[in-house]
Amino acid sequence: MSIPGMEVGYSPWAPAEDLNDHILRSKLSTGMATGEAHLANPSAHWDILDSDFFQLTDGYMKIRTKGIQRYYYYGRPFAGQSGDVNDKLTSSQFPVFLLFIHRI
């Protein structure tokens, strides 16, 4: 017997931080951003025996944020120069889980 399920979610608050040290250019960039996250996790559950079952869960999560990235050159030829740029971070994830349970 298969038992379907679904979880959905939303968060209006998703903070993000970003740190990049571009060693070849002697440039350090740090970003701070906030945004939102959406997720959905469909699943199915199969009973094999009274003591055994499988569960398959698929997932989807997308995070979108906006903020400011600050950069600083710490080496030649631009040593000491710095500035700010708009920062936009996006992450999409698609995990899949297969679970087998044996009850003793």
Protein backbone atom coordinates (compact mmCIF):
# COMPACT_ATOMS: atom_id res chain seq x y z
CA MET A 1 0.00 0.00 0.00
CA SER A 2 1.32 3.44 -0.95
CA ILE A 3 0.55 6.44 1.24
CA PRO A 4 1.35 9.79 -0.48
CA GLY A 5 2.26 12.91 1.45
CA MET A 6 3.31 16.49 0.85
CA GLU A 7 4.98 19.19 2.90
CA VAL A 8 5.12 22.78 1.67
CA GLY A 9 6.66 25.79 3.29
CA TYR A 10 7.53 29.42 2.93
CA SER A 11 9.76 31.72 4.94
CA PRO A 12 9.69 35.48 4.44
CA TRP A 13 13.05 35.72 6.24
CA ALA A 14 16.10 33.94 4.80
CA PRO A 15 19.44 35.52 5.75
CA ALA A 16 22.58 34.80 3.70
CA GLU A 17 26.27 35.57 4.05
CA ASP A 18 28.92 35.29 1.35
CA LEU A 19 32.72 35.42 1.72
CA ASN A 20 35.11 35.28 -1.25
CA ASP A 21 38.88 35.69 -1.04
CA HIS A 22 40.17 36.17 -4.60
CA ILE A 23 43.80 35.38 -3.82
CA LEU A 24 45.13 35.96 -7.37
CA ARG A 25 43.60 39.46 -7.43
CA SER A 26 44.26 40.20 -3.72
CA LYS A 27 40.57 41.04 -3.27
CA LEU A 28 38.32 40.14 -0.33
CA SER A 29 34.54 40.33 -0.85
CA THR A 30 31.93 39.92 1.89
CA GLY A 31 28.19 39.98 1.34
CA MET A 32 25.16 40.23 3.62
CA ALA A 33 21.68 39.66 2.22
CA THR A 34 18.12 38.77 3.19
CA GLY A 35 15.24 37.33 1.22
CA GLU A 36 12.73 34.51 1.12
CA ALA A 37 12.64 30.72 0.83
CA HIS A 38 10.13 28.31 -0.72
CA LEU A 39 10.09 24.53 -0.25
CA ALA A 40 8.04 21.49 -1.23
CA ASN A 41 8.64 17.85 -0.23
CA PRO A 42 6.39 15.23 -1.83
CA SER A 43 6.74 11.74 -0.37
CA ALA A 44 5.37 8.21 -0.67
CA HIS A 45 5.37 5.39 1.89
CA TRP A 46 5.14 1.68 0.97
CA ASP A 47 4.39 -1.02 3.55
CA ILE A 48 6.11 -4.25 2.53
CA LEU A 49 5.44 -6.35 5.63
CA ASP A 50 4.10 -5.49 9.07
CA SER A 51 7.67 -4.78 10.15
CA ASP A 52 9.19 -3.30 6.94
CA PHE A 53 8.50 -0.24 4.83
CA PHE A 54 10.14 2.06 2.28
CA GLN A 55 9.75 5.81 2.13
CA LEU A 56 10.75 7.96 -0.84
CA THR A 57 10.92 11.72 -0.35
CA ASP A 58 11.73 14.20 -3.08
CA GLY A 59 12.47 17.80 -2.29
CA TYR A 60 12.67 21.26 -3.75
CA MET A 61 13.97 24.39 -2.04
CA LYS A 62 14.68 27.79 -3.57
CA ILE A 63 16.20 30.69 -1.67
CA ARG A 64 16.41 34.19 -3.18
CA THR A 65 18.13 37.07 -1.43
CA LYS A 66 19.35 40.60 -2.14
CA GLY A 67 21.84 42.72 -0.25
CA ILE A 68 25.19 44.49 -0.44
CA GLN A 69 28.64 43.07 -1.14
CA ARG A 70 31.65 44.98 0.13
CA TYR A 71 35.03 44.43 -1.50
CA TYR A 72 38.52 45.43 -0.44
CA TYR A 73 41.81 45.08 -2.34
CA TYR A 74 44.56 44.08 0.08
CA GLY A 75 47.43 43.79 -2.42
CA ARG A 76 49.00 45.51 -5.39
CA PRO A 77 48.20 47.18 -7.78
CA PHE A 78 44.89 48.34 -6.21
CA ALA A 79 45.82 47.97 -2.51
CA GLY A 80 43.53 49.95 -0.21
CA GLN A 81 40.73 50.47 -2.73
CA SER A 82 37.27 49.36 -1.66
CA GLY A 83 33.64 49.70 -2.61
CA ASP A 84 30.11 48.30 -2.46
CA VAL A 85 28.03 46.56 -5.12
CA ASN A 86 24.53 45.10 -5.14
CA ASP A 87 24.54 41.41 -4.25
CA LYS A 88 21.97 38.86 -5.41
CA LEU A 89 22.20 35.26 -4.14
CA THR A 90 20.03 32.39 -5.41
CA SER A 91 20.16 28.73 -4.36
CA SER A 92 18.05 25.88 -5.78
CA GLN A 93 18.26 22.43 -4.20
CA PHE A 94 16.67 19.10 -5.17
CA PRO A 95 17.42 16.38 -2.56
CA VAL A 96 16.03 12.84 -2.87
CA PHE A 97 15.86 10.47 0.11
CA LEU A 98 15.13 6.74 0.09
CA LEU A 99 14.53 5.24 3.53
CA PHE A 100 14.10 1.59 4.50
CA ILE A 101 12.79 0.80 7.99
CA HIS A 102 12.77 -2.61 9.66
CA ARG A 103 10.98 -2.73 12.99
CA ILE A 104 12.17 -5.31 15.51
